[in-house]
PDB file of N, CA and C in Angstrom:
ATOM      1  N   UNK A   1      20.125  61.508  34.079  1.00  0.00           N
ATOM      2  CA  UNK A   1      20.689  61.292  32.770  1.00  0.00           C
ATOM      3  C   UNK A   1      21.797  62.336  32.586  1.00  0.00           C
ATOM      4  N   UNK A   2      22.920  61.894  32.052  1.00  0.00           N
ATOM      5  CA  UNK A   2      24.061  62.781  31.860  1.00  0.00           C
ATOM      6  C   UNK A   2      24.195  63.132  30.389  1.00  0.00           C
ATOM      7  N   UNK A   3      24.624  64.355  30.133  1.00  0.00           N
ATOM      8  CA  UNK A   3      24.833  64.834  28.764  1.00  0.00           C
ATOM      9  C   UNK A   3      26.088  64.178  28.197  1.00  0.00           C
ATOM     10  N   UNK A   4      25.986  63.682  26.977  1.00  0.00           N
ATOM     11  CA  UNK A   4      27.137  63.055  26.317  1.00  0.00           C
ATOM     12  C   UNK A   4      28.186  64.101  25.931  1.00  0.00           C
ATOM     13  N   UNK A   5      27.755  65.356  25.762  1.00  0.00           N
ATOM     14  CA  UNK A   5      28.641  66.417  25.296  1.00  0.00           C
ATOM     15  C   UNK A   5      29.434  67.045  26.443  1.00  0.00           C
ATOM     16  N   UNK A   6      28.717  67.473  27.502  1.00  0.00           N
ATOM     17  CA  UNK A   6      29.394  68.204  28.572  1.00  0.00           C
ATOM     18  C   UNK A   6      29.446  67.452  29.901  1.00  0.00           C
ATOM     19  N   UNK A   7      28.673  66.367  30.032  1.00  0.00           N
ATOM     20  CA  UNK A   7      28.691  65.583  31.262  1.00  0.00           C
ATOM     21  C   UNK A   7      27.778  66.120  32.348  1.00  0.00           C
ATOM     22  N   UNK A   8      26.990  67.144  32.051  1.00  0.00           N
ATOM     23  CA  UNK A   8      26.069  67.749  33.019  1.00  0.00           C
ATOM     24  C   UNK A   8      24.948  66.777  33.361  1.00  0.00           C
ATOM     25  N   UNK A   9      24.574  66.721  34.627  1.00  0.00           N
ATOM     26  CA  UNK A   9      23.459  65.894  35.067  1.00  0.00           C
ATOM     27  C   UNK A   9      22.158  66.602  34.720  1.00  0.00           C
ATOM     28  N   UNK A  10      21.214  65.869  34.126  1.00  0.00           N
ATOM     29  CA  UNK A  10      19.921  66.408  33.713  1.00  0.00           C
ATOM     30  C   UNK A  10      18.814  65.511  34.250  1.00  0.00           C
ATOM     31  N   UNK A  11      17.590  66.049  34.399  1.00  0.00           N
ATOM     32  CA  UNK A  11      16.466  65.200  34.813  1.00  0.00           C
ATOM     33  C   UNK A  11      16.202  64.116  33.771  1.00  0.00           C
ATOM     34  N   UNK A  12      15.603  63.016  34.212  1.00  0.00           N
ATOM     35  CA  UNK A  12      15.343  61.889  33.305  1.00  0.00           C
ATOM     36  C   UNK A  12      14.370  62.263  32.199  1.00  0.00           C
ATOM     37  N   UNK A  13      13.497  63.237  32.430  1.00  0.00           N
ATOM     38  CA  UNK A  13      12.512  63.625  31.415  1.00  0.00           C
ATOM     39  C   UNK A  13      13.038  64.699  30.466  1.00  0.00           C
ATOM     40  N   UNK A  14      14.264  65.180  30.649  1.00  0.00           N
ATOM     41  CA  UNK A  14      14.811  66.267  29.825  1.00  0.00           C
ATOM     42  C   UNK A  14      15.068  65.797  28.399  1.00  0.00           C
ATOM     43  N   UNK A  15      14.796  66.721  27.453  1.00  0.00           N
ATOM     44  CA  UNK A  15      15.035  66.440  26.041  1.00  0.00           C
ATOM     45  C   UNK A  15      16.343  67.087  25.600  1.00  0.00           C
ATOM     46  N   UNK A  16      16.667  68.246  26.199  1.00  0.00           N
ATOM     47  CA  UNK A  16      17.905  68.952  25.885  1.00  0.00           C
ATOM     48  C   UNK A  16      18.707  69.152  27.166  1.00  0.00           C
ATOM     49  N   UNK A  17      20.024  69.249  26.993  1.00  0.00           N
ATOM     50  CA  UNK A  17      20.912  69.490  28.128  1.00  0.00           C
ATOM     51  C   UNK A  17      20.667  70.909  28.641  1.00  0.00           C
ATOM     52  N   UNK A  18      20.556  71.063  29.954  1.00  0.00           N
ATOM     53  CA  UNK A  18      20.338  72.379  30.553  1.00  0.00           C
ATOM     54  C   UNK A  18      21.565  73.256  30.476  1.00  0.00           C
ATOM     55  N   UNK A  19      22.761  72.687  30.348  1.00  0.00           N
ATOM     56  CA  UNK A  19      23.990  73.476  30.343  1.00  0.00           C
ATOM     57  C   UNK A  19      24.413  73.872  28.932  1.00  0.00           C
ATOM     58  N   UNK A  20      24.428  72.903  27.999  1.00  0.00           N
ATOM     59  CA  UNK A  20      24.950  73.202  26.660  1.00  0.00           C
ATOM     60  C   UNK A  20      23.883  73.191  25.569  1.00  0.00           C
ATOM     61  N   UNK A  21      22.680  72.713  25.831  1.00  0.00           N
ATOM     62  CA  UNK A  21      21.592  72.748  24.859  1.00  0.00           C
ATOM     63  C   UNK A  21      21.591  71.620  23.838  1.00  0.00           C
ATOM     64  N   UNK A  22      22.484  70.664  23.966  1.00  0.00           N
ATOM     65  CA  UNK A  22      22.545  69.539  23.028  1.00  0.00           C
ATOM     66  C   UNK A  22      21.354  68.616  23.288  1.00  0.00           C
ATOM     67  N   UNK A  23      20.781  68.077  22.210  1.00  0.00           N
ATOM     68  CA  UNK A  23      19.676  67.130  22.345  1.00  0.00           C
ATOM     69  C   UNK A  23      20.197  65.854  23.001  1.00  0.00           C
ATOM     70  N   UNK A  24      19.496  65.447  24.044  1.00  0.00           N
ATOM     71  CA  UNK A  24      19.913  64.251  24.784  1.00  0.00           C
ATOM     72  C   UNK A  24      19.398  62.997  24.086  1.00  0.00           C
ATOM     73  N   UNK A  25      20.241  62.009  24.005  1.00  0.00           N
ATOM     74  CA  UNK A  25      19.854  60.724  23.406  1.00  0.00           C
ATOM     75  C   UNK A  25      19.080  59.917  24.439  1.00  0.00           C
ATOM     76  N   UNK A  26      17.988  59.349  23.996  1.00  0.00           N
ATOM     77  CA  UNK A  26      17.187  58.510  24.884  1.00  0.00           C
ATOM     78  C   UNK A  26      17.790  57.115  24.880  1.00  0.00           C
ATOM     79  N   UNK A  27      18.131  56.658  26.050  1.00  0.00           N
ATOM     80  CA  UNK A  27      18.732  55.326  26.159  1.00  0.00           C
ATOM     81  C   UNK A  27      17.635  54.276  26.047  1.00  0.00           C
ATOM     82  N   UNK A  28      17.778  53.415  25.058  1.00  0.00           N
ATOM     83  CA  UNK A  28      16.817  52.319  24.893  1.00  0.00           C
ATOM     84  C   UNK A  28      17.466  51.029  25.367  1.00  0.00           C
ATOM     85  N   UNK A  29      16.715  50.217  26.049  1.00  0.00           N
ATOM     86  CA  UNK A  29      17.296  48.953  26.505  1.00  0.00           C
ATOM     87  C   UNK A  29      17.594  48.053  25.306  1.00  0.00           C
ATOM     88  N   UNK A  30      18.629  47.247  25.405  1.00  0.00           N
ATOM     89  CA  UNK A  30      18.942  46.339  24.295  1.00  0.00           C
ATOM     90  C   UNK A  30      17.830  45.307  24.134  1.00  0.00           C
ATOM     91  N   UNK A  31      17.608  44.869  22.900  1.00  0.00           N
ATOM     92  CA  UNK A  31      16.562  43.862  22.694  1.00  0.00           C
ATOM     93  C   UNK A  31      16.953  42.550  23.375  1.00  0.00           C
ATOM     94  N   UNK A  32      15.977  41.792  23.808  1.00  0.00           N
ATOM     95  CA  UNK A  32      16.305  40.520  24.457  1.00  0.00           C
ATOM     96  C   UNK A  32      16.971  39.568  23.466  1.00  0.00           C
ATOM     97  N   UNK A  33      17.865  38.781  23.976  1.00  0.00           N
ATOM     98  CA  UNK A  33      18.566  37.816  23.125  1.00  0.00           C
ATOM     99  C   UNK A  33      17.571  36.772  22.627  1.00  0.00           C
ATOM    100  N   UNK A  34      17.677  36.395  21.357  1.00  0.00           N
ATOM    101  CA  UNK A  34      16.748  35.377  20.850  1.00  0.00           C
ATOM    102  C   UNK A  34      17.008  34.037  21.530  1.00  0.00           C
ATOM    103  N   UNK A  35      15.914  33.317  21.756  1.00  0.00           N
ATOM    104  CA  UNK A  35      16.048  31.999  22.373  1.00  0.00           C
ATOM    105  C   UNK A  35      16.577  31.019  21.337  1.00  0.00           C
ATOM    106  N   UNK A  36      17.529  30.197  21.721  1.00  0.00           N
ATOM    107  CA  UNK A  36      18.032  29.207  20.766  1.00  0.00           C
ATOM    108  C   UNK A  36      16.966  28.160  20.464  1.00  0.00           C
ATOM    109  N   UNK A  37      17.019  27.642  19.254  1.00  0.00           N
ATOM    110  CA  UNK A  37      16.066  26.608  18.846  1.00  0.00           C
ATOM    111  C   UNK A  37      16.561  25.257  19.345  1.00  0.00           C
ATOM    112  N   UNK A  38      15.725  24.572  20.084  1.00  0.00           N
ATOM    113  CA  UNK A  38      16.019  23.219  20.554  1.00  0.00           C
ATOM    114  C   UNK A  38      14.874  22.336  20.064  1.00  0.00           C
ATOM    115  N   UNK A  39      15.150  21.403  19.145  1.00  0.00           N
ATOM    116  CA  UNK A  39      14.064  20.554  18.633  1.00  0.00           C
ATOM    117  C   UNK A  39      13.537  19.640  19.729  1.00  0.00           C
ATOM    118  N   UNK A  40      12.215  19.429  19.731  1.00  0.00           N
ATOM    119  CA  UNK A  40      11.663  18.584  20.794  1.00  0.00           C
ATOM    120  C   UNK A  40      11.418  17.141  20.344  1.00  0.00           C
ATOM    121  N   UNK A  41      11.470  16.841  19.073  1.00  0.00           N
ATOM    122  CA  UNK A  41      11.315  15.481  18.530  1.00  0.00           C
ATOM    123  C   UNK A  41       9.986  14.843  18.923  1.00  0.00           C
ATOM    124  N   UNK A  42       8.968  15.662  19.155  1.00  0.00           N
ATOM    125  CA  UNK A  42       7.677  15.142  19.595  1.00  0.00           C
ATOM    126  C   UNK A  42       6.994  14.317  18.507  1.00  0.00           C
ATOM    127  N   UNK A  43       7.121  14.734  17.261  1.00  0.00           N
ATOM    128  CA  UNK A  43       6.477  13.990  16.167  1.00  0.00           C
ATOM    129  C   UNK A  43       7.060  12.587  16.071  1.00  0.00           C
ATOM    130  N   UNK A  44       8.382  12.481  16.149  1.00  0.00           N
ATOM    131  CA  UNK A  44       9.014  11.156  16.077  1.00  0.00           C
ATOM    132  C   UNK A  44       8.615  10.295  17.268  1.00  0.00           C
ATOM    133  N   UNK A  45       8.504  10.920  18.432  1.00  0.00           N
ATOM    134  CA  UNK A  45       8.108  10.172  19.630  1.00  0.00           C
ATOM    135  C   UNK A  45       6.688   9.632  19.491  1.00  0.00           C
ATOM    136  N   UNK A  46       5.789  10.444  18.948  1.00  0.00           N
ATOM    137  CA  UNK A  46       4.405   9.994  18.765  1.00  0.00           C
ATOM    138  C   UNK A  46       4.337   8.887  17.720  1.00  0.00           C
ATOM    139  N   UNK A  47       5.058   9.055  16.615  1.00  0.00           N
ATOM    140  CA  UNK A  47       5.059   8.014  15.578  1.00  0.00           C
ATOM    141  C   UNK A  47       5.651   6.710  16.106  1.00  0.00           C
ATOM    142  N   UNK A  48       6.713   6.806  16.889  1.00  0.00           N
ATOM    143  CA  UNK A  48       7.312   5.602  17.470  1.00  0.00           C
ATOM    144  C   UNK A  48       6.339   4.915  18.413  1.00  0.00           C
ATOM    145  N   UNK A  49       5.568   5.696  19.156  1.00  0.00           N
ATOM    146  CA  UNK A  49       4.586   5.121  20.079  1.00  0.00           C
ATOM    147  C   UNK A  49       3.458   4.438  19.324  1.00  0.00           C
ATOM    148  N   UNK A  50       2.957   5.091  18.290  1.00  0.00           N
ATOM    149  CA  UNK A  50       1.812   4.550  17.559  1.00  0.00           C
ATOM    150  C   UNK A  50       2.161   3.321  16.729  1.00  0.00           C
ATOM    151  N   UNK A  51       3.321   3.335  16.079  1.00  0.00           N
ATOM    152  CA  UNK A  51       3.615   2.299  15.095  1.00  0.00           C
ATOM    153  C   UNK A  51       4.669   1.285  15.516  1.00  0.00           C
ATOM    154  N   UNK A  52       5.412   1.537  16.555  1.00  0.00           N
ATOM    155  CA  UNK A  52       6.528   0.637  16.849  1.00  0.00           C
ATOM    156  C   UNK A  52       6.488   0.068  18.261  1.00  0.00           C
ATOM    157  N   UNK A  53       6.924   0.825  19.206  1.00  0.00           N
ATOM    158  CA  UNK A  53       7.124   0.295  20.561  1.00  0.00           C
ATOM    159  C   UNK A  53       6.474   1.228  21.572  1.00  0.00           C
ATOM    160  N   UNK A  54       5.395   0.784  22.175  1.00  0.00           N
ATOM    161  CA  UNK A  54       4.627   1.627  23.091  1.00  0.00           C
ATOM    162  C   UNK A  54       5.429   2.087  24.316  1.00  0.00           C
ATOM    163  N   UNK A  55       6.107   1.211  25.061  1.00  0.00           N
ATOM    164  CA  UNK A  55       6.801   1.691  26.272  1.00  0.00           C
ATOM    165  C   UNK A  55       7.918   2.695  25.974  1.00  0.00           C
ATOM    166  N   UNK A  56       8.755   2.389  25.007  1.00  0.00           N
ATOM    167  CA  UNK A  56       9.838   3.318  24.665  1.00  0.00           C
ATOM    168  C   UNK A  56       9.317   4.610  24.075  1.00  0.00           C
ATOM    169  N   UNK A  57       8.232   4.522  23.322  1.00  0.00           N
ATOM    170  CA  UNK A  57       7.636   5.718  22.745  1.00  0.00           C
ATOM    171  C   UNK A  57       7.062   6.641  23.804  1.00  0.00           C
ATOM    172  N   UNK A  58       6.496   6.069  24.852  1.00  0.00           N
ATOM    173  CA  UNK A  58       5.953   6.894  25.941  1.00  0.00           C
ATOM    174  C   UNK A  58       7.079   7.640  26.649  1.00  0.00           C
ATOM    175  N   UNK A  59       8.191   6.970  26.863  1.00  0.00           N
ATOM    176  CA  UNK A  59       9.344   7.637  27.478  1.00  0.00           C
ATOM    177  C   UNK A  59       9.807   8.786  26.584  1.00  0.00           C
ATOM    178  N   UNK A  60       9.848   8.545  25.271  1.00  0.00           N
ATOM    179  CA  UNK A  60      10.252   9.594  24.328  1.00  0.00           C
ATOM    180  C   UNK A  60       9.281  10.768  24.366  1.00  0.00           C
ATOM    181  N   UNK A  61       7.980  10.492  24.467  1.00  0.00           N
ATOM    182  CA  UNK A  61       6.986  11.573  24.533  1.00  0.00           C
ATOM    183  C   UNK A  61       7.174  12.404  25.799  1.00  0.00           C
ATOM    184  N   UNK A  62       7.459  11.750  26.917  1.00  0.00           N
ATOM    185  CA  UNK A  62       7.660  12.483  28.174  1.00  0.00           C
ATOM    186  C   UNK A  62       8.855  13.423  28.050  1.00  0.00           C
ATOM    187  N   UNK A  63       9.966  12.922  27.519  1.00  0.00           N
ATOM    188  CA  UNK A  63      11.135  13.789  27.341  1.00  0.00           C
ATOM    189  C   UNK A  63      10.844  14.911  26.354  1.00  0.00           C
ATOM    190  N   UNK A  64      10.172  14.599  25.252  1.00  0.00           N
ATOM    191  CA  UNK A  64       9.877  15.610  24.235  1.00  0.00           C
ATOM    192  C   UNK A  64       8.958  16.697  24.774  1.00  0.00           C
ATOM    193  N   UNK A  65       8.028  16.329  25.635  1.00  0.00           N
ATOM    194  CA  UNK A  65       7.084  17.306  26.178  1.00  0.00           C
ATOM    195  C   UNK A  65       7.760  18.273  27.147  1.00  0.00           C
ATOM    196  N   UNK A  66       8.865  17.895  27.729  1.00  0.00           N
ATOM    197  CA  UNK A  66       9.555  18.750  28.694  1.00  0.00           C
ATOM    198  C   UNK A  66      10.466  19.782  28.038  1.00  0.00           C
ATOM    199  N   UNK A  67      10.788  19.602  26.747  1.00  0.00           N
ATOM    200  CA  UNK A  67      11.772  20.463  26.087  1.00  0.00           C
ATOM    201  C   UNK A  67      11.311  21.920  26.031  1.00  0.00           C
ATOM    202  N   UNK A  68      10.115  22.179  25.514  1.00  0.00           N
ATOM    203  CA  UNK A  68       9.658  23.558  25.328  1.00  0.00           C
ATOM    204  C   UNK A  68       9.530  24.306  26.654  1.00  0.00           C
ATOM    205  N   UNK A  69       9.109  23.623  27.699  1.00  0.00           N
ATOM    206  CA  UNK A  69       9.009  24.262  29.010  1.00  0.00           C
ATOM    207  C   UNK A  69      10.369  24.679  29.542  1.00  0.00           C
ATOM    208  N   UNK A  70      11.361  23.842  29.327  1.00  0.00           N
ATOM    209  CA  UNK A  70      12.701  24.185  29.801  1.00  0.00           C
ATOM    210  C   UNK A  70      13.302  25.326  28.986  1.00  0.00           C
ATOM    211  N   UNK A  71      13.014  25.376  27.679  1.00  0.00           N
ATOM    212  CA  UNK A  71      13.495  26.499  26.870  1.00  0.00           C
ATOM    213  C   UNK A  71      12.848  27.792  27.354  1.00  0.00           C
ATOM    214  N   UNK A  72      11.554  27.757  27.635  1.00  0.00           N
ATOM    215  CA  UNK A  72      10.851  28.949  28.128  1.00  0.00           C
ATOM    216  C   UNK A  72      11.391  29.408  29.478  1.00  0.00           C
ATOM    217  N   UNK A  73      11.799  28.469  30.306  1.00  0.00           N
ATOM    218  CA  UNK A  73      12.345  28.804  31.624  1.00  0.00           C
ATOM    219  C   UNK A  73      13.802  29.247  31.552  1.00  0.00           C
ATOM    220  N   UNK A  74      14.423  29.114  30.379  1.00  0.00           N
ATOM    221  CA  UNK A  74      15.812  29.518  30.223  1.00  0.00           C
ATOM    222  C   UNK A  74      16.810  28.413  30.495  1.00  0.00           C
ATOM    223  N   UNK A  75      16.342  27.211  30.750  1.00  0.00           N
ATOM    224  CA  UNK A  75      17.226  26.072  31.021  1.00  0.00           C
ATOM    225  C   UNK A  75      17.575  25.396  29.694  1.00  0.00           C
ATOM    226  N   UNK A  76      18.483  26.012  28.952  1.00  0.00           N
ATOM    227  CA  UNK A  76      18.825  25.519  27.616  1.00  0.00           C
ATOM    228  C   UNK A  76      19.568  24.193  27.704  1.00  0.00           C
ATOM    229  N   UNK A  77      20.458  24.045  28.674  1.00  0.00           N
ATOM    230  CA  UNK A  77      21.199  22.786  28.824  1.00  0.00           C
ATOM    231  C   UNK A  77      20.242  21.641  29.142  1.00  0.00           C
ATOM    232  N   UNK A  78      19.292  21.874  30.025  1.00  0.00           N
ATOM    233  CA  UNK A  78      18.299  20.848  30.347  1.00  0.00           C
ATOM    234  C   UNK A  78      17.413  20.527  29.165  1.00  0.00           C
ATOM    235  N   UNK A  79      17.066  21.559  28.387  1.00  0.00           N
ATOM    236  CA  UNK A  79      16.236  21.343  27.199  1.00  0.00           C
ATOM    237  C   UNK A  79      16.986  20.512  26.167  1.00  0.00           C
ATOM    238  N   UNK A  80      18.263  20.798  25.987  1.00  0.00           N
ATOM    239  CA  UNK A  80      19.058  20.009  25.026  1.00  0.00           C
ATOM    240  C   UNK A  80      19.200  18.564  25.497  1.00  0.00           C
ATOM    241  N   UNK A  81      19.378  18.378  26.795  1.00  0.00           N
ATOM    242  CA  UNK A  81      19.480  17.026  27.339  1.00  0.00           C
ATOM    243  C   UNK A  81      18.186  16.251  27.113  1.00  0.00           C
ATOM    244  N   UNK A  82      17.044  16.875  27.408  1.00  0.00           N
ATOM    245  CA  UNK A  82      15.758  16.208  27.186  1.00  0.00           C
ATOM    246  C   UNK A  82      15.506  15.974  25.703  1.00  0.00           C
ATOM    247  N   UNK A  83      15.949  16.910  24.857  1.00  0.00           N
ATOM    248  CA  UNK A  83      15.800  16.736  23.413  1.00  0.00           C
ATOM    249  C   UNK A  83      16.611  15.534  22.929  1.00  0.00           C
ATOM    250  N   UNK A  84      17.837  15.436  23.419  1.00  0.00           N
ATOM    251  CA  UNK A  84      18.676  14.291  23.043  1.00  0.00           C
ATOM    252  C   UNK A  84      18.072  12.978  23.537  1.00  0.00           C
ATOM    253  N   UNK A  85      17.532  12.982  24.753  1.00  0.00           N
ATOM    254  CA  UNK A  85      16.904  11.769  25.286  1.00  0.00           C
ATOM    255  C   UNK A  85      15.653  11.396  24.501  1.00  0.00           C
ATOM    256  N   UNK A  86      14.865  12.392  24.098  1.00  0.00           N
ATOM    257  CA  UNK A  86      13.672  12.115  23.295  1.00  0.00           C
ATOM    258  C   UNK A  86      14.064  11.508  21.951  1.00  0.00           C
ATOM    259  N   UNK A  87      15.115  12.043  21.353  1.00  0.00           N
ATOM    260  CA  UNK A  87      15.592  11.504  20.071  1.00  0.00           C
ATOM    261  C   UNK A  87      16.103  10.077  20.250  1.00  0.00           C
ATOM    262  N   UNK A  88      16.880   9.846  21.306  1.00  0.00           N
ATOM    263  CA  UNK A  88      17.425   8.515  21.565  1.00  0.00           C
ATOM    264  C   UNK A  88      16.312   7.496  21.763  1.00  0.00           C
ATOM    265  N   UNK A  89      15.327   7.818  22.617  1.00  0.00           N
ATOM    266  CA  UNK A  89      14.242   6.873  22.877  1.00  0.00           C
ATOM    267  C   UNK A  89      13.367   6.671  21.647  1.00  0.00           C
ATOM    268  N   UNK A  90      13.212   7.696  20.824  1.00  0.00           N
ATOM    269  CA  UNK A  90      12.457   7.527  19.578  1.00  0.00           C
ATOM    270  C   UNK A  90      13.185   6.564  18.648  1.00  0.00           C
ATOM    271  N   UNK A  91      14.500   6.749  18.524  1.00  0.00           N
ATOM    272  CA  UNK A  91      15.276   5.854  17.655  1.00  0.00           C
ATOM    273  C   UNK A  91      15.280   4.425  18.188  1.00  0.00           C
ATOM    274  N   UNK A  92      15.395   4.272  19.496  1.00  0.00           N
ATOM    275  CA  UNK A  92      15.341   2.930  20.087  1.00  0.00           C
ATOM    276  C   UNK A  92      13.981   2.300  19.830  1.00  0.00           C
ATOM    277  N   UNK A  93      12.923   3.079  20.012  1.00  0.00           N
ATOM    278  CA  UNK A  93      11.563   2.559  19.833  1.00  0.00           C
ATOM    279  C   UNK A  93      11.264   2.204  18.389  1.00  0.00           C
ATOM    280  N   UNK A  94      11.927   2.848  17.462  1.00  0.00           N
ATOM    281  CA  UNK A  94      11.756   2.515  16.047  1.00  0.00           C
ATOM    282  C   UNK A  94      12.735   1.417  15.639  1.00  0.00           C
ATOM    283  N   UNK A  95      13.953   1.469  16.163  1.00  0.00           N
ATOM    284  CA  UNK A  95      15.000   0.541  15.740  1.00  0.00           C
ATOM    285  C   UNK A  95      14.809  -0.886  16.208  1.00  0.00           C
ATOM    286  N   UNK A  96      14.366  -1.083  17.432  1.00  0.00           N
ATOM    287  CA  UNK A  96      14.203  -2.447  17.957  1.00  0.00           C
ATOM    288  C   UNK A  96      13.157  -3.231  17.168  1.00  0.00           C
ATOM    289  N   UNK A  97      11.957  -2.697  16.927  1.00  0.00           N
ATOM    290  CA  UNK A  97      10.995  -3.458  16.110  1.00  0.00           C
ATOM    291  C   UNK A  97      11.487  -3.686  14.682  1.00  0.00           C
ATOM    292  N   UNK A  98      12.197  -2.717  14.122  1.00  0.00           N
ATOM    293  CA  UNK A  98      12.741  -2.926  12.777  1.00  0.00           C
ATOM    294  C   UNK A  98      13.776  -4.045  12.772  1.00  0.00           C
ATOM    295  N   UNK A  99      14.627  -4.078  13.792  1.00  0.00           N
ATOM    296  CA  UNK A  99      15.630  -5.138  13.873  1.00  0.00           C
ATOM    297  C   UNK A  99      14.966  -6.504  14.025  1.00  0.00           C
ATOM    298  N   UNK A 100      13.944  -6.597  14.876  1.00  0.00           N
ATOM    299  CA  UNK A 100      13.227  -7.867  15.015  1.00  0.00           C
ATOM    300  C   UNK A 100      12.516  -8.249  13.723  1.00  0.00           C
ATOM    301  N   UNK A 101      12.003  -7.272  13.008  1.00  0.00           N
ATOM    302  CA  UNK A 101      11.356  -7.548  11.721  1.00  0.00           C
ATOM    303  C   UNK A 101      12.332  -8.111  10.712  1.00  0.00           C
ATOM    304  N   UNK A 102      13.532  -7.546  10.661  1.00  0.00           N
ATOM    305  CA  UNK A 102      14.556  -8.050   9.740  1.00  0.00           C
ATOM    306  C   UNK A 102      14.973  -9.456  10.147  1.00  0.00           C
ATOM    307  N   UNK A 103      15.183  -9.677  11.443  1.00  0.00           N
ATOM    308  CA  UNK A 103      15.551 -11.020  11.905  1.00  0.00           C
ATOM    309  C   UNK A 103      14.452 -12.035  11.600  1.00  0.00           C
ATOM    310  N   UNK A 104      13.191 -11.650  11.789  1.00  0.00           N
ATOM    311  CA  UNK A 104      12.076 -12.543  11.488  1.00  0.00           C
ATOM    312  C   UNK A 104      12.040 -12.860   9.996  1.00  0.00           C
ATOM    313  N   UNK A 105      12.256 -11.849   9.162  1.00  0.00           N
ATOM    314  CA  UNK A 105      12.268 -12.060   7.712  1.00  0.00           C
ATOM    315  C   UNK A 105      13.400 -13.010   7.315  1.00  0.00           C
ATOM    316  N   UNK A 106      14.574 -12.831   7.901  1.00  0.00           N
ATOM    317  CA  UNK A 106      15.689 -13.737   7.614  1.00  0.00           C
ATOM    318  C   UNK A 106      15.372 -15.154   8.080  1.00  0.00           C
ATOM    319  N   UNK A 107      14.749 -15.294   9.235  1.00  0.00           N
ATOM    320  CA  UNK A 107      14.372 -16.608   9.741  1.00  0.00           C
ATOM    321  C   UNK A 107      13.381 -17.287   8.805  1.00  0.00           C
ATOM    322  N   UNK A 108      12.380 -16.549   8.349  1.00  0.00           N
ATOM    323  CA  UNK A 108      11.381 -17.117   7.435  1.00  0.00           C
ATOM    324  C   UNK A 108      12.038 -17.523   6.123  1.00  0.00           C
ATOM    325  N   UNK A 109      12.925 -16.687   5.609  1.00  0.00           N
ATOM    326  CA  UNK A 109      13.615 -17.032   4.358  1.00  0.00           C
ATOM    327  C   UNK A 109      14.485 -18.271   4.552  1.00  0.00           C
ATOM    328  N   UNK A 110      15.196 -18.335   5.673  1.00  0.00           N
ATOM    329  CA  UNK A 110      16.042 -19.491   5.951  1.00  0.00           C
ATOM    330  C   UNK A 110      15.196 -20.753   6.091  1.00  0.00           C
ATOM    331  N   UNK A 111      14.068 -20.635   6.797  1.00  0.00           N
ATOM    332  CA  UNK A 111      13.188 -21.795   6.977  1.00  0.00           C
ATOM    333  C   UNK A 111      12.610 -22.245   5.644  1.00  0.00           C
ATOM    334  N   UNK A 112      12.264 -21.309   4.794  1.00  0.00           N
ATOM    335  CA  UNK A 112      11.721 -21.663   3.483  1.00  0.00           C
ATOM    336  C   UNK A 112      12.784 -22.331   2.621  1.00  0.00           C
ATOM    337  N   UNK A 113      14.010 -21.844   2.708  1.00  0.00           N
ATOM    338  CA  UNK A 113      15.085 -22.433   1.894  1.00  0.00           C
ATOM    339  C   UNK A 113      15.440 -23.832   2.386  1.00  0.00           C
ATOM    340  N   UNK A 114      15.516 -24.029   3.691  1.00  0.00           N
ATOM    341  CA  UNK A 114      15.852 -25.359   4.199  1.00  0.00           C
ATOM    342  C   UNK A 114      14.699 -26.326   3.992  1.00  0.00           C
ATOM    343  N   UNK A 115      13.462 -25.834   4.072  1.00  0.00           N
ATOM    344  CA  UNK A 115      12.304 -26.692   3.818  1.00  0.00           C
ATOM    345  C   UNK A 115      12.239 -27.103   2.358  1.00  0.00           C
ATOM    346  N   UNK A 116      12.601 -26.218   1.461  1.00  0.00           N
ATOM    347  CA  UNK A 116      12.580 -26.528   0.030  1.00  0.00           C
ATOM    348  C   UNK A 116      13.690 -27.510  -0.317  1.00  0.00           C
ATOM    349  N   UNK A 117      14.829 -27.406   0.366  1.00  0.00           N
ATOM    350  CA  UNK A 117      15.937 -28.313   0.081  1.00  0.00           C
ATOM    351  C   UNK A 117      15.678 -29.697   0.658  1.00  0.00           C
ATOM    352  N   UNK A 118      14.983 -29.762   1.776  1.00  0.00           N
ATOM    353  CA  UNK A 118      14.726 -31.045   2.413  1.00  0.00           C
ATOM    354  C   UNK A 118      13.620 -31.809   1.703  1.00  0.00           C
ATOM    355  N   UNK A 119      12.674 -31.085   1.101  1.00  0.00           N
ATOM    356  CA  UNK A 119      11.486 -31.722   0.555  1.00  0.00           C
ATOM    357  C   UNK A 119      11.620 -32.060  -0.863  1.00  0.00           C
TER     358      UNK A 119
END
């Protein structure tokens, strides 16, 4: 360890500089950088699986389950990619059944209207 005042080399356990007597500053390592937050969308994936589309929801769950492991390993780009894929598959798994539901409702309304006009 070197003295900040005079530049004298001192033992690592020294509290004061041997040459000038100045109190030596203890070098502390910088704190680790905080890990960025990457959402895993696991709740949406589970809800999509339970209530909407089983195959697409399972794909979303697989992607969502990989996010936290990749963040822990430091692979932030991979975690963001899996997070985006989990979100995409969750939206697809929710959107397709909703679209079919709307189309079915329109078909039923159209059939009821044409049946009422014909009869």
